[in-house]
């Protein structure tokens, strides 16, 4: 089993306010799912070890597309 990694999700609201959430996940796919499920804003960025893992924009209640 691979070691867990630390991820940082930045959830951006319609007003531009950002909420930062740092958490540990076993792999990137799990981190993306967790970040998208927890997101409440219109944009989402996921970072790990100083690298941008992904960036998405909300297009539905629980649907995100790459930004």
N, C-alpha and C. Protein backbone atom coordinates (compact mmCIF):
# COMPACT_ATOMS: atom_id res chain seq x y z
N UNK A 1 0.85 -1.18 0.00
CA UNK A 1 0.00 0.00 0.00
C UNK A 1 0.90 1.24 0.00
N UNK A 2 0.57 2.20 -0.82
CA UNK A 2 1.38 3.42 -0.89
C UNK A 2 1.08 4.32 0.30
N UNK A 3 2.06 5.13 0.68
CA UNK A 3 1.84 6.03 1.82
C UNK A 3 0.83 7.12 1.48
N UNK A 4 0.16 7.62 2.50
CA UNK A 4 -0.83 8.68 2.30
C UNK A 4 -0.12 9.99 1.98
N UNK A 5 -0.80 10.86 1.26
CA UNK A 5 -0.26 12.16 0.88
C UNK A 5 -1.16 13.26 1.43
N UNK A 6 -0.56 14.41 1.66
CA UNK A 6 -1.31 15.57 2.12
C UNK A 6 -1.77 16.37 0.91
N UNK A 7 -3.04 16.75 0.92
CA UNK A 7 -3.64 17.54 -0.16
C UNK A 7 -4.23 18.81 0.43
N UNK A 8 -4.29 19.85 -0.39
CA UNK A 8 -4.92 21.10 -0.01
C UNK A 8 -5.97 21.44 -1.06
N UNK A 9 -7.22 21.57 -0.64
CA UNK A 9 -8.31 21.95 -1.53
C UNK A 9 -8.62 23.43 -1.29
N UNK A 10 -8.73 24.18 -2.37
CA UNK A 10 -9.12 25.58 -2.28
C UNK A 10 -10.46 25.71 -2.98
N UNK A 11 -11.47 26.00 -2.18
CA UNK A 11 -12.86 26.10 -2.64
C UNK A 11 -13.18 27.60 -2.77
N UNK A 12 -13.51 28.05 -3.98
CA UNK A 12 -13.71 29.47 -4.25
C UNK A 12 -15.20 29.75 -4.50
N UNK A 13 -15.75 30.68 -3.72
CA UNK A 13 -17.18 31.01 -3.83
C UNK A 13 -17.43 31.98 -4.98
N UNK A 14 -18.71 32.24 -5.25
CA UNK A 14 -19.09 33.20 -6.30
C UNK A 14 -18.55 34.59 -6.01
N UNK A 15 -18.37 34.93 -4.74
CA UNK A 15 -17.88 36.25 -4.36
C UNK A 15 -16.35 36.33 -4.39
N UNK A 16 -15.69 35.21 -4.65
CA UNK A 16 -14.23 35.19 -4.70
C UNK A 16 -13.58 34.80 -3.38
N UNK A 17 -14.39 34.57 -2.36
CA UNK A 17 -13.85 34.15 -1.07
C UNK A 17 -13.36 32.70 -1.17
N UNK A 18 -12.18 32.44 -0.63
CA UNK A 18 -11.60 31.10 -0.71
C UNK A 18 -11.61 30.43 0.66
N UNK A 19 -11.95 29.15 0.66
CA UNK A 19 -11.89 28.32 1.85
C UNK A 19 -10.84 27.26 1.60
N UNK A 20 -9.90 27.12 2.52
CA UNK A 20 -8.81 26.17 2.37
C UNK A 20 -9.04 24.98 3.29
N UNK A 21 -8.89 23.78 2.74
CA UNK A 21 -9.09 22.54 3.49
C UNK A 21 -7.89 21.64 3.24
N UNK A 22 -7.14 21.32 4.30
CA UNK A 22 -5.99 20.42 4.16
C UNK A 22 -6.38 19.06 4.73
N UNK A 23 -6.07 17.99 3.98
CA UNK A 23 -6.44 16.65 4.42
C UNK A 23 -5.46 15.63 3.85
N UNK A 24 -5.54 14.41 4.34
CA UNK A 24 -4.68 13.32 3.91
C UNK A 24 -5.53 12.31 3.16
N UNK A 25 -4.98 11.80 2.05
CA UNK A 25 -5.68 10.78 1.27
C UNK A 25 -4.65 9.76 0.77
N UNK A 26 -5.11 8.55 0.53
CA UNK A 26 -4.22 7.48 0.10
C UNK A 26 -3.71 7.67 -1.33
N UNK A 27 -4.53 8.31 -2.17
CA UNK A 27 -4.12 8.53 -3.56
C UNK A 27 -4.91 9.70 -4.15
N UNK A 28 -4.47 10.14 -5.31
CA UNK A 28 -5.04 11.33 -5.94
C UNK A 28 -6.52 11.18 -6.25
N UNK A 29 -6.94 10.03 -6.74
CA UNK A 29 -8.35 9.83 -7.09
C UNK A 29 -9.24 10.01 -5.86
N UNK A 30 -8.82 9.46 -4.74
CA UNK A 30 -9.59 9.62 -3.51
C UNK A 30 -9.63 11.08 -3.08
N UNK A 31 -8.52 11.78 -3.25
CA UNK A 31 -8.45 13.19 -2.88
C UNK A 31 -9.38 14.04 -3.74
N UNK A 32 -9.40 13.77 -5.04
CA UNK A 32 -10.29 14.52 -5.95
C UNK A 32 -11.74 14.29 -5.56
N UNK A 33 -12.11 13.07 -5.32
CA UNK A 33 -13.50 12.75 -4.94
C UNK A 33 -13.89 13.46 -3.64
N UNK A 34 -13.00 13.42 -2.66
CA UNK A 34 -13.29 14.05 -1.37
C UNK A 34 -13.42 15.56 -1.53
N UNK A 35 -12.50 16.16 -2.25
CA UNK A 35 -12.53 17.62 -2.44
C UNK A 35 -13.79 18.06 -3.17
N UNK A 36 -14.16 17.35 -4.23
CA UNK A 36 -15.35 17.72 -4.99
C UNK A 36 -16.62 17.50 -4.17
N UNK A 37 -16.67 16.45 -3.37
CA UNK A 37 -17.85 16.20 -2.55
C UNK A 37 -18.03 17.29 -1.49
N UNK A 38 -16.92 17.75 -0.92
CA UNK A 38 -16.97 18.75 0.15
C UNK A 38 -17.13 20.18 -0.36
N UNK A 39 -16.82 20.42 -1.63
CA UNK A 39 -16.83 21.78 -2.16
C UNK A 39 -18.23 22.38 -2.15
N UNK A 40 -18.28 23.69 -1.86
CA UNK A 40 -19.54 24.42 -1.87
C UNK A 40 -19.50 25.58 -2.86
N UNK A 41 -18.32 25.96 -3.31
CA UNK A 41 -18.16 27.11 -4.20
C UNK A 41 -18.34 26.77 -5.67
N UNK A 42 -17.91 27.71 -6.52
CA UNK A 42 -18.08 27.57 -7.96
C UNK A 42 -16.79 27.13 -8.67
N UNK A 43 -15.66 27.24 -7.96
CA UNK A 43 -14.36 26.81 -8.49
C UNK A 43 -13.65 26.01 -7.41
N UNK A 44 -12.81 25.08 -7.85
CA UNK A 44 -12.08 24.23 -6.91
C UNK A 44 -10.69 23.96 -7.46
N UNK A 45 -9.69 24.11 -6.62
CA UNK A 45 -8.32 23.74 -6.96
C UNK A 45 -7.86 22.71 -5.94
N UNK A 46 -7.07 21.74 -6.41
CA UNK A 46 -6.50 20.73 -5.52
C UNK A 46 -4.99 20.73 -5.70
N UNK A 47 -4.28 20.86 -4.58
CA UNK A 47 -2.82 20.93 -4.58
C UNK A 47 -2.25 19.81 -3.73
N UNK A 48 -1.03 19.37 -4.08
CA UNK A 48 -0.30 18.40 -3.27
C UNK A 48 1.20 18.65 -3.46
N UNK A 49 1.90 18.78 -2.36
CA UNK A 49 3.35 18.98 -2.37
C UNK A 49 3.76 20.16 -3.26
N UNK A 50 2.99 21.25 -3.20
CA UNK A 50 3.31 22.44 -3.97
C UNK A 50 2.97 22.39 -5.44
N UNK A 51 2.30 21.33 -5.87
CA UNK A 51 1.92 21.19 -7.28
C UNK A 51 0.41 21.20 -7.42
N UNK A 52 -0.05 21.86 -8.48
CA UNK A 52 -1.48 21.87 -8.77
C UNK A 52 -1.87 20.51 -9.35
N UNK A 53 -2.76 19.81 -8.66
CA UNK A 53 -3.23 18.50 -9.11
C UNK A 53 -4.34 18.67 -10.13
N UNK A 54 -5.25 19.63 -9.88
CA UNK A 54 -6.36 19.87 -10.78
C UNK A 54 -7.14 21.10 -10.39
N UNK A 55 -7.90 21.58 -11.36
CA UNK A 55 -8.74 22.76 -11.16
C UNK A 55 -10.05 22.51 -11.88
N UNK A 56 -11.16 22.75 -11.19
CA UNK A 56 -12.47 22.46 -11.75
C UNK A 56 -13.43 23.62 -11.52
N UNK A 57 -14.44 23.70 -12.35
CA UNK A 57 -15.53 24.66 -12.15
C UNK A 57 -16.83 23.88 -12.02
N UNK A 58 -17.70 24.38 -11.18
CA UNK A 58 -18.97 23.69 -10.94
C UNK A 58 -19.94 23.97 -12.09
N UNK A 59 -20.61 22.93 -12.56
CA UNK A 59 -21.62 23.09 -13.61
C UNK A 59 -22.97 22.53 -13.18
N UNK A 60 -23.03 22.01 -11.99
CA UNK A 60 -24.27 21.46 -11.44
C UNK A 60 -24.10 21.28 -9.96
N UNK A 61 -25.12 20.76 -9.30
CA UNK A 61 -25.08 20.61 -7.85
C UNK A 61 -23.86 19.83 -7.40
N UNK A 62 -23.54 18.75 -8.05
CA UNK A 62 -22.39 17.91 -7.70
C UNK A 62 -21.55 17.59 -8.93
N UNK A 63 -21.62 18.39 -9.96
CA UNK A 63 -20.89 18.13 -11.20
C UNK A 63 -19.82 19.20 -11.42
N UNK A 64 -18.62 18.75 -11.72
CA UNK A 64 -17.50 19.64 -11.99
C UNK A 64 -16.87 19.30 -13.34
N UNK A 65 -16.39 20.32 -14.03
CA UNK A 65 -15.65 20.14 -15.28
C UNK A 65 -14.27 20.76 -15.10
N UNK A 66 -13.27 20.23 -15.79
CA UNK A 66 -11.93 20.84 -15.71
C UNK A 66 -11.99 22.32 -16.08
N UNK A 67 -11.26 23.12 -15.33
CA UNK A 67 -11.23 24.57 -15.59
C UNK A 67 -10.00 24.93 -16.41
